[in-house]
Protein backbone atom coordinates (compact mmCIF):
# COMPACT_ATOMS: atom_id res chain seq x y z
CA UNK A 1 0.00 0.00 0.00
CA UNK A 2 2.80 2.34 0.88
CA UNK A 3 4.36 1.70 -2.51
CA UNK A 4 1.15 2.59 -4.34
CA UNK A 5 0.75 5.72 -2.22
CA UNK A 6 4.29 6.66 -3.03
CA UNK A 7 3.70 6.18 -6.76
CA UNK A 8 0.51 8.21 -6.68
CA UNK A 9 2.28 10.97 -4.75
CA UNK A 10 5.11 10.98 -7.30
CA UNK A 11 2.61 11.10 -10.17
CA UNK A 12 0.76 14.04 -8.67
CA UNK A 13 4.05 15.83 -8.05
CA UNK A 14 5.13 15.27 -11.66
CA UNK A 15 1.76 16.49 -12.91
CA UNK A 16 1.99 19.63 -10.78
CA UNK A 17 5.56 20.23 -11.92
CA UNK A 18 4.62 19.80 -15.57
CA UNK A 19 1.65 22.14 -15.15
CA UNK A 20 3.84 24.76 -13.50
CA UNK A 21 6.44 24.38 -16.26
CA UNK A 22 3.91 24.69 -19.06
CA UNK A 23 2.24 27.62 -17.34
CA UNK A 24 5.58 29.39 -16.95
CA UNK A 25 6.48 28.67 -20.59
CA UNK A 26 3.10 30.00 -21.73
CA UNK A 27 3.48 33.16 -19.67
CA UNK A 28 6.99 33.61 -21.05
CA UNK A 29 5.84 33.21 -24.65
CA UNK A 30 3.00 35.62 -24.01
CA UNK A 31 5.38 38.20 -22.60
CA UNK A 32 7.78 37.73 -25.51
CA UNK A 33 4.96 38.01 -28.07
CA UNK A 34 3.56 41.07 -26.35
CA UNK A 35 6.94 42.78 -26.31
CA UNK A 36 7.65 41.75 -29.91
CA UNK A 37 4.32 43.14 -31.11
CA UNK A 38 4.97 46.31 -29.18
CA UNK A 39 8.36 46.68 -30.82
CA UNK A 40 6.88 45.90 -34.23
CA UNK A 41 4.19 48.51 -33.70
CA UNK A 42 6.77 51.07 -32.68
CA UNK A 43 8.82 50.22 -35.79
CA UNK A 44 5.77 50.64 -38.04
CA UNK A 45 4.96 53.98 -36.44
CA UNK A 46 8.56 55.11 -36.88
CA UNK A 47 8.53 54.10 -40.56
CA UNK A 48 5.23 55.89 -41.15
CA UNK A 49 6.49 59.04 -39.48
CA UNK A 50 9.69 58.88 -41.52
CA UNK A 51 7.81 58.20 -44.74
CA UNK A 52 5.33 61.02 -44.13
CA UNK A 53 8.22 63.44 -44.17
CA UNK A 54 9.63 62.12 -47.46
CA UNK A 55 7.33 62.94 -50.37
CA UNK A 56 9.30 60.89 -52.91
CA UNK A 57 9.24 57.82 -50.66
CA UNK A 58 5.52 58.24 -50.11
CA UNK A 59 4.93 58.48 -53.84
CA UNK A 60 6.94 55.33 -54.47
CA UNK A 61 4.96 53.40 -51.87
CA UNK A 62 1.69 54.66 -53.29
CA UNK A 63 2.84 53.78 -56.81
CA UNK A 64 3.79 50.24 -55.83
CA UNK A 65 0.52 49.78 -53.99
CA UNK A 66 -1.49 51.08 -56.95
CA UNK A 67 0.44 48.91 -59.38
CA UNK A 68 -0.18 45.85 -57.21
CA UNK A 69 -3.90 46.57 -57.06
CA UNK A 70 -4.01 47.20 -60.83
CA UNK A 71 -2.18 43.95 -61.57
CA UNK A 72 -4.63 42.06 -59.40
CA UNK A 73 -7.56 43.72 -61.19
CA UNK A 74 -6.13 42.96 -64.64
CA UNK A 75 -5.48 39.35 -63.70
CA UNK A 76 -9.08 38.89 -62.58
CA UNK A 77 -10.38 40.69 -65.69
CA UNK A 78 -8.29 38.52 -68.03
CA UNK A 79 -9.59 35.41 -66.32
CA UNK A 80 -13.09 36.74 -66.98
CA UNK A 81 -12.29 37.27 -70.69
CA UNK A 82 -11.92 41.08 -70.68
CA UNK A 83 -8.92 41.72 -72.96
CA UNK A 84 -9.16 45.52 -72.79
CA UNK A 85 -8.45 45.59 -69.07
CA UNK A 86 -4.75 44.95 -69.69
CA UNK A 87 -4.34 47.60 -72.39
CA UNK A 88 -6.68 50.36 -71.21
CA UNK A 89 -5.22 53.87 -71.40
CA UNK A 90 -7.25 56.76 -70.05
CA UNK A 91 -4.99 59.41 -71.61
CA UNK A 92 -5.30 58.04 -75.15
CA UNK A 93 -8.00 60.56 -76.01
CA UNK A 94 -5.46 63.37 -75.69
CA UNK A 95 -3.64 61.99 -78.75
CA UNK A 96 -6.74 62.01 -80.93
CA UNK A 97 -6.85 64.62 -83.68
CA UNK A 98 -10.52 65.45 -83.38
CA UNK A 99 -12.88 68.23 -82.36
CA UNK A 100 -16.60 68.56 -81.85
CA UNK A 101 -17.96 70.15 -85.07
CA UNK A 102 -20.19 72.33 -82.90
CA UNK A 103 -17.08 74.15 -81.69
CA UNK A 104 -16.27 75.38 -85.20
CA UNK A 105 -17.31 78.66 -86.76
CA UNK A 106 -20.05 78.67 -89.39
CA UNK A 107 -17.74 78.63 -92.40
CA UNK A 108 -15.37 76.11 -90.81
CA UNK A 109 -18.26 73.77 -89.99
CA UNK A 110 -19.60 74.07 -93.56
CA UNK A 111 -16.21 73.25 -95.05
CA UNK A 112 -15.62 70.35 -92.63
CA UNK A 113 -19.02 68.83 -93.39
CA UNK A 114 -18.49 69.16 -97.13
CA UNK A 115 -15.02 67.58 -97.01
CA UNK A 116 -16.32 64.81 -94.75
CA UNK A 117 -19.00 63.85 -97.25
CA UNK A 118 -16.84 64.34 -100.33
CA UNK A 119 -13.82 62.33 -99.17
CA UNK A 120 -15.68 59.91 -96.86
CA UNK A 121 -13.81 60.76 -93.70
CA UNK A 122 -15.14 61.36 -90.19
CA UNK A 123 -16.20 64.97 -89.46
CA UNK A 124 -14.44 65.15 -86.07
CA UNK A 125 -10.83 64.77 -87.33
CA UNK A 126 -11.60 66.78 -90.46
CA UNK A 127 -13.04 69.50 -88.23
CA UNK A 128 -9.75 69.64 -86.32
CA UNK A 129 -7.78 69.90 -89.56
CA UNK A 130 -10.06 72.66 -90.83
CA UNK A 131 -9.66 74.48 -87.53
CA UNK A 132 -5.88 74.20 -87.75
CA UNK A 133 -5.87 75.28 -91.41
CA UNK A 134 -7.68 78.47 -90.42
CA UNK A 135 -5.27 79.14 -87.57
CA UNK A 136 -2.02 78.41 -89.43
CA UNK A 137 -3.34 80.09 -92.57
CA UNK A 138 -3.84 83.32 -90.68
CA UNK A 139 -0.29 83.15 -89.31
CA UNK A 140 1.17 82.34 -92.73
CA UNK A 141 -1.14 84.76 -94.60
CA UNK A 142 -2.44 81.96 -96.79
CA UNK A 143 -6.05 81.18 -97.59
CA UNK A 144 -7.04 78.15 -95.44
CA UNK A 145 -8.99 76.73 -98.37
CA UNK A 146 -5.71 76.58 -100.32
CA UNK A 147 -4.13 74.50 -97.53
CA UNK A 148 -7.13 72.17 -97.43
CA UNK A 149 -7.13 71.89 -101.23
CA UNK A 150 -3.49 70.75 -101.19
CA UNK A 151 -4.34 68.08 -98.60
CA UNK A 152 -7.26 66.96 -100.75
CA UNK A 153 -5.21 66.63 -103.94
CA UNK A 154 -2.08 65.26 -102.27
CA UNK A 155 -3.45 62.63 -99.90
CA UNK A 156 -7.26 62.74 -99.93
CA UNK A 157 -6.91 63.49 -96.18
CA UNK A 158 -5.06 60.24 -95.43
CA UNK A 159 -2.49 61.10 -92.70
CA UNK A 160 -0.51 57.91 -93.38
CA UNK A 161 -0.21 58.28 -97.15
CA UNK A 162 3.19 57.84 -98.78
CA UNK A 163 4.15 58.34 -102.40
CA UNK A 164 6.58 56.29 -104.43
CA UNK A 165 9.25 58.96 -104.01
CA UNK A 166 8.91 59.23 -100.22
CA UNK A 167 6.47 62.12 -99.75
CA UNK A 168 4.55 61.44 -96.55
CA UNK A 169 1.47 62.48 -94.61
CA UNK A 170 -1.43 64.80 -95.29
CA UNK A 171 0.59 67.41 -97.16
CA UNK A 172 2.93 64.82 -98.76
CA UNK A 173 6.05 66.55 -97.49
CA UNK A 174 9.37 65.01 -98.55
CA UNK A 175 10.48 63.98 -95.06
CA UNK A 176 14.09 63.23 -95.93
CA UNK A 177 14.42 66.66 -97.57
CA UNK A 178 12.71 68.64 -94.80
CA UNK A 179 13.84 66.58 -91.82
CA UNK A 180 15.22 69.73 -90.18
CA UNK A 181 11.72 71.19 -90.02
CA UNK A 182 10.48 68.17 -88.07
CA UNK A 183 13.06 68.67 -85.32
CA UNK A 184 10.73 71.16 -83.66
CA UNK A 185 8.12 68.39 -83.44
CA UNK A 186 10.36 65.68 -82.02
CA UNK A 187 11.73 64.05 -85.17
CA UNK A 188 10.79 62.75 -88.59
CA UNK A 189 8.12 60.40 -87.25
CA UNK A 190 6.04 63.51 -86.61
CA UNK A 191 5.35 63.41 -90.35
CA UNK A 192 2.55 60.99 -89.49
CA UNK A 193 1.06 63.31 -86.89
CA UNK A 194 -1.65 65.16 -88.84
CA UNK A 195 -1.16 68.56 -87.22
CA UNK A 196 2.64 68.45 -87.36
CA UNK A 197 2.59 67.42 -91.02
CA UNK A 198 0.11 70.21 -91.80
CA UNK A 199 2.27 72.85 -90.12
CA UNK A 200 5.47 71.72 -91.81
CA UNK A 201 3.67 71.51 -95.15
CA UNK A 202 2.42 75.09 -94.82
CA UNK A 203 5.96 76.28 -94.08
CA UNK A 204 7.24 74.48 -97.18
CA UNK A 205 4.39 75.94 -99.27
CA UNK A 206 5.08 79.46 -98.03
CA UNK A 207 8.77 79.08 -98.88
CA UNK A 208 7.89 77.81 -102.36
CA UNK A 209 5.56 80.74 -103.08
CA UNK A 210 8.16 83.23 -101.85
CA UNK A 211 10.82 81.62 -104.02
CA UNK A 212 8.67 81.35 -107.14
CA UNK A 213 7.12 84.78 -106.85
CA UNK A 214 3.54 83.73 -107.51
CA UNK A 215 0.97 81.34 -106.15
CA UNK A 216 0.68 79.26 -109.31
CA UNK A 217 4.43 78.82 -109.72
CA UNK A 218 4.75 78.26 -105.99
CA UNK A 219 2.50 75.23 -106.36
CA UNK A 220 4.76 74.00 -109.18
CA UNK A 221 7.72 74.32 -106.84
CA UNK A 222 5.78 72.52 -104.11
CA UNK A 223 5.09 69.49 -106.31
CA UNK A 224 8.67 69.43 -107.58
CA UNK A 225 7.91 70.54 -111.14
CA UNK A 226 9.72 73.88 -111.07
CA UNK A 227 12.29 72.81 -113.66
CA UNK A 228 9.91 70.76 -115.77
CA UNK A 229 7.84 71.77 -118.74
CA UNK A 230 4.61 70.66 -117.05
CA UNK A 231 3.38 69.85 -113.58
CA UNK A 232 0.83 67.36 -114.86
CA UNK A 233 -2.00 69.73 -114.10
CA UNK A 234 -1.25 69.71 -110.36
CA UNK A 235 -1.46 73.46 -109.74
CA UNK A 236 -4.67 73.72 -111.75
CA UNK A 237 -6.32 70.90 -109.79
CA UNK A 238 -5.30 72.42 -106.45
CA UNK A 239 -6.70 75.81 -107.39
CA UNK A 240 -9.81 74.21 -108.83
CA UNK A 241 -10.50 72.38 -105.57
CA UNK A 242 -9.72 75.56 -103.67
CA UNK A 243 -12.41 77.30 -105.68
CA UNK A 244 -14.89 74.61 -104.56
CA UNK A 245 -13.87 74.95 -100.92
CA UNK A 246 -14.00 78.74 -101.04
CA UNK A 247 -17.51 78.56 -102.50
CA UNK A 248 -18.59 76.31 -99.62
CA UNK A 249 -16.94 78.59 -97.05
CA UNK A 250 -18.78 81.56 -98.57
CA UNK A 251 -22.09 79.83 -97.96
CA UNK A 252 -22.87 78.60 -101.45
CA UNK A 253 -24.47 75.20 -101.79
CA UNK A 254 -22.16 72.92 -103.74
CA UNK A 255 -22.78 69.22 -104.45
CA UNK A 256 -20.44 66.84 -102.66
CA UNK A 257 -19.53 65.27 -105.99
CA UNK A 258 -18.88 68.58 -107.74
CA UNK A 259 -16.12 68.18 -110.33
CA UNK A 260 -12.73 69.82 -109.94
CA UNK A 261 -12.41 72.35 -112.75
CA UNK A 262 -8.67 72.91 -113.22
CA UNK A 263 -7.66 76.55 -113.20
CA UNK A 264 -4.87 77.71 -115.49
CA UNK A 265 -2.92 80.97 -115.37
CA UNK A 266 -3.74 83.62 -117.96
CA UNK A 267 -1.74 83.03 -121.11
CA UNK A 268 -0.08 85.85 -123.03
CA UNK A 269 -1.29 85.83 -126.65
CA UNK A 270 0.41 87.26 -129.70
CA UNK A 271 -2.12 90.09 -129.81
CA UNK A 272 -1.21 91.00 -126.24
CA UNK A 273 2.48 91.07 -127.13
CA UNK A 274 2.01 93.18 -130.33
CA UNK A 275 3.19 96.80 -129.90
CA UNK A 276 0.58 99.53 -129.95
CA UNK A 277 0.53 101.90 -132.97
CA UNK A 278 2.83 104.87 -132.61
CA UNK A 279 1.15 108.12 -131.61
CA UNK A 280 2.80 111.35 -130.60
CA UNK A 281 0.43 111.91 -127.72
CA UNK A 282 0.21 108.31 -126.57
CA UNK A 283 2.32 107.00 -123.71
CA UNK A 284 4.38 103.84 -124.22
CA UNK A 285 2.21 100.73 -123.86
CA UNK A 286 2.49 98.80 -120.58
CA UNK A 287 2.77 95.03 -121.12
CA UNK A 288 0.05 92.97 -119.44
CA UNK A 289 1.05 91.21 -116.18
CA UNK A 290 1.88 87.54 -116.36
CA UNK A 291 0.37 85.46 -113.56
CA UNK A 292 3.08 82.78 -113.49
CA UNK A 293 6.81 82.61 -114.10
CA UNK A 294 7.74 79.09 -115.13
CA UNK A 295 11.33 77.95 -114.98
CA UNK A 296 11.25 76.69 -118.59
CA UNK A 297 9.05 77.90 -121.46
CA UNK A 298 5.96 75.82 -122.01
CA UNK A 299 3.13 76.05 -124.50
CA UNK A 300 -0.31 76.28 -122.94
CA UNK A 301 -3.68 77.07 -124.50
CA UNK A 302 -5.21 80.42 -123.72
CA UNK A 303 -7.45 80.27 -120.68
CA UNK A 304 -11.12 80.95 -121.01
CA UNK A 305 -12.26 84.36 -119.70
CA UNK A 306 -14.20 82.73 -116.88
CA UNK A 307 -11.16 80.79 -115.78
CA UNK A 308 -8.98 83.89 -115.96
CA UNK A 309 -11.41 85.79 -113.78
CA UNK A 310 -11.60 82.91 -111.34
CA UNK A 311 -7.78 82.72 -111.06
CA UNK A 312 -7.49 86.45 -110.55
CA UNK A 313 -10.17 86.37 -107.85
CA UNK A 314 -8.38 83.55 -106.01
CA UNK A 315 -4.76 84.57 -106.44
CA UNK A 316 -4.82 88.32 -105.97
CA UNK A 317 -6.00 88.39 -102.31
CA UNK A 318 -3.26 85.96 -101.33
CA UNK A 319 -0.53 87.80 -103.21
CA UNK A 320 -1.64 91.08 -101.70
CA UNK A 321 -1.25 89.79 -98.12
């Protein structure tokens, strides 16, 4: 009996000892955890206080957090079949060459609508080009309808057009020749930005007119036919389409499929060149003005009186500016 009592006493003692040990270990772990969490909290507070005083660090943390959230959102969207979630770009609209036609003036809106229907292009980007043609035309002292007519003949308002000789964009500017002019717009790839191409093209056109001395010959320089016997009717087509656009801008109703009537410069006939009969009281005859000065002589038929009047009406205001 004494042996059993001894064993039971030893068992109870061991149980009490184990309980005390486990209780002490638990209290120790609790104290350690409590102190560790307190230290961790103090460290977090210190980091937050430090970060609040450093704007660049705060921005980096916010950027990383936003990127993490965006990546999670895109991953869930892709799993759901939404492909646009990974390529969405809120600022893309700022690159669009477009304007609400209601923001245009009366004549600009009329021209934009007519071009849109005639060349089958959207009115919003055409409206922006018309708006820019009016603005840059005023600065360059060129009729905006002339600028638009060149775009119509050169590229049919295709900003990505390219000719076989390397002329590019709306105004079909020779990029490799005028690469220096694109430096102000970030480089030669700006040739495919509609507004940049338009502005460079107007500068080239203005230089050509100044060099040639007249609008008609300036267009020949622009198309690269200054030293040739013929420009293939280019200048006449441009001025013919300008006449259509000017009629629309002036408020006249013109069909969208109205033909382009090429305009030719007034030709000097033999009768015009014949000297006047001598007269004691008469002053020496003044030779009639010649509208164009071609680089090489070329034979052209005499223009009809209506065409002569139309050319004079279109060319004289521009040359007088």
